[in-house]
């Protein structure tokens, strides 16, 4: 058998408070990472090589639509 005692009310309140704080800190970190990822994706979308590829694809598609 285990000798796990139920902590007193004050200890439980402190533990719950620390867990809530840790959860909020993780939420903030997650939001920061999401913003960084979005920024990196925007940089990738807007770099010169990808912009030229997208423009070329749009031009080819416009020419294709004219032939239909």
C-alpha atoms as a PDB file:
ATOM      1  CA  UNK A   1       0.000   0.000   0.000  1.00  0.00           C
ATOM      2  CA  UNK A   2       1.072   3.553  -0.578  1.00  0.00           C
ATOM      3  CA  UNK A   3       1.165   6.115   2.162  1.00  0.00           C
ATOM      4  CA  UNK A   4      -0.017   9.042  -0.011  1.00  0.00           C
ATOM      5  CA  UNK A   5      -1.656  11.627   2.174  1.00  0.00           C
ATOM      6  CA  UNK A   6      -4.063  14.184   0.830  1.00  0.00           C
ATOM      7  CA  UNK A   7      -2.383  17.583   1.176  1.00  0.00           C
ATOM      8  CA  UNK A   8      -4.046  20.211   3.274  1.00  0.00           C
ATOM      9  CA  UNK A   9      -6.240  22.872   1.688  1.00  0.00           C
ATOM     10  CA  UNK A  10      -3.546  25.562   1.583  1.00  0.00           C
ATOM     11  CA  UNK A  11      -1.064  23.232  -0.154  1.00  0.00           C
ATOM     12  CA  UNK A  12      -3.700  22.220  -2.710  1.00  0.00           C
ATOM     13  CA  UNK A  13      -4.537  25.880  -3.416  1.00  0.00           C
ATOM     14  CA  UNK A  14      -0.857  26.698  -3.949  1.00  0.00           C
ATOM     15  CA  UNK A  15      -0.453  23.706  -6.264  1.00  0.00           C
ATOM     16  CA  UNK A  16      -3.514  24.641  -8.310  1.00  0.00           C
ATOM     17  CA  UNK A  17      -2.310  28.236  -8.517  1.00  0.00           C
ATOM     18  CA  UNK A  18       1.139  27.143  -9.749  1.00  0.00           C
ATOM     19  CA  UNK A  19      -0.441  24.801 -12.308  1.00  0.00           C
ATOM     20  CA  UNK A  20      -2.665  27.602 -13.611  1.00  0.00           C
ATOM     21  CA  UNK A  21       0.356  29.913 -13.848  1.00  0.00           C
ATOM     22  CA  UNK A  22       2.334  27.252 -15.726  1.00  0.00           C
ATOM     23  CA  UNK A  23      -0.601  26.805 -18.106  1.00  0.00           C
ATOM     24  CA  UNK A  24      -0.746  30.538 -18.798  1.00  0.00           C
ATOM     25  CA  UNK A  25       2.996  30.650 -19.410  1.00  0.00           C
ATOM     26  CA  UNK A  26       2.697  27.773 -21.888  1.00  0.00           C
ATOM     27  CA  UNK A  27      -0.175  29.571 -23.633  1.00  0.00           C
ATOM     28  CA  UNK A  28       1.957  32.717 -23.961  1.00  0.00           C
ATOM     29  CA  UNK A  29       4.890  30.712 -25.310  1.00  0.00           C
ATOM     30  CA  UNK A  30       2.596  28.968 -27.797  1.00  0.00           C
ATOM     31  CA  UNK A  31       1.273  32.321 -29.045  1.00  0.00           C
ATOM     32  CA  UNK A  32       4.831  33.633 -29.432  1.00  0.00           C
ATOM     33  CA  UNK A  33       5.819  30.553 -31.423  1.00  0.00           C
ATOM     34  CA  UNK A  34       2.697  30.852 -33.613  1.00  0.00           C
ATOM     35  CA  UNK A  35       3.601  34.472 -34.394  1.00  0.00           C
ATOM     36  CA  UNK A  36       7.175  33.488 -35.246  1.00  0.00           C
ATOM     37  CA  UNK A  37       5.986  30.694 -37.543  1.00  0.00           C
ATOM     38  CA  UNK A  38       3.567  33.061 -39.296  1.00  0.00           C
ATOM     39  CA  UNK A  39       6.378  35.562 -39.784  1.00  0.00           C
ATOM     40  CA  UNK A  40       8.698  32.908 -41.223  1.00  0.00           C
ATOM     41  CA  UNK A  41       5.969  31.652 -43.559  1.00  0.00           C
ATOM     42  CA  UNK A  42       5.341  35.201 -44.794  1.00  0.00           C
ATOM     43  CA  UNK A  43       9.065  35.653 -45.422  1.00  0.00           C
ATOM     44  CA  UNK A  44       9.175  32.416 -47.401  1.00  0.00           C
ATOM     45  CA  UNK A  45       6.091  33.371 -49.435  1.00  0.00           C
ATOM     46  CA  UNK A  46       7.536  36.760 -50.247  1.00  0.00           C
ATOM     47  CA  UNK A  47      11.093  35.825 -51.116  1.00  0.00           C
ATOM     48  CA  UNK A  48      12.122  36.588 -54.696  1.00  0.00           C
ATOM     49  CA  UNK A  49      12.322  33.001 -55.961  1.00  0.00           C
ATOM     50  CA  UNK A  50       8.880  32.042 -54.714  1.00  0.00           C
ATOM     51  CA  UNK A  51       7.371  35.325 -55.908  1.00  0.00           C
ATOM     52  CA  UNK A  52       8.734  34.732 -59.424  1.00  0.00           C
ATOM     53  CA  UNK A  53       7.504  31.125 -59.434  1.00  0.00           C
ATOM     54  CA  UNK A  54       4.037  32.267 -58.351  1.00  0.00           C
ATOM     55  CA  UNK A  55       3.949  34.988 -61.007  1.00  0.00           C
ATOM     56  CA  UNK A  56       5.061  32.512 -63.678  1.00  0.00           C
ATOM     57  CA  UNK A  57       2.405  30.031 -62.601  1.00  0.00           C
ATOM     58  CA  UNK A  58      -0.244  32.764 -62.733  1.00  0.00           C
ATOM     59  CA  UNK A  59       0.928  33.780 -66.210  1.00  0.00           C
ATOM     60  CA  UNK A  60       0.854  30.183 -67.452  1.00  0.00           C
ATOM     61  CA  UNK A  61      -2.596  29.648 -65.965  1.00  0.00           C
ATOM     62  CA  UNK A  62      -3.909  32.857 -67.581  1.00  0.00           C
ATOM     63  CA  UNK A  63      -2.556  31.698 -70.960  1.00  0.00           C
ATOM     64  CA  UNK A  64      -4.111  28.283 -70.451  1.00  0.00           C
ATOM     65  CA  UNK A  65      -7.509  29.834 -69.673  1.00  0.00           C
ATOM     66  CA  UNK A  66      -7.312  31.807 -72.932  1.00  0.00           C
ATOM     67  CA  UNK A  67      -6.920  28.585 -74.933  1.00  0.00           C
ATOM     68  CA  UNK A  68     -10.030  26.968 -73.448  1.00  0.00           C
END
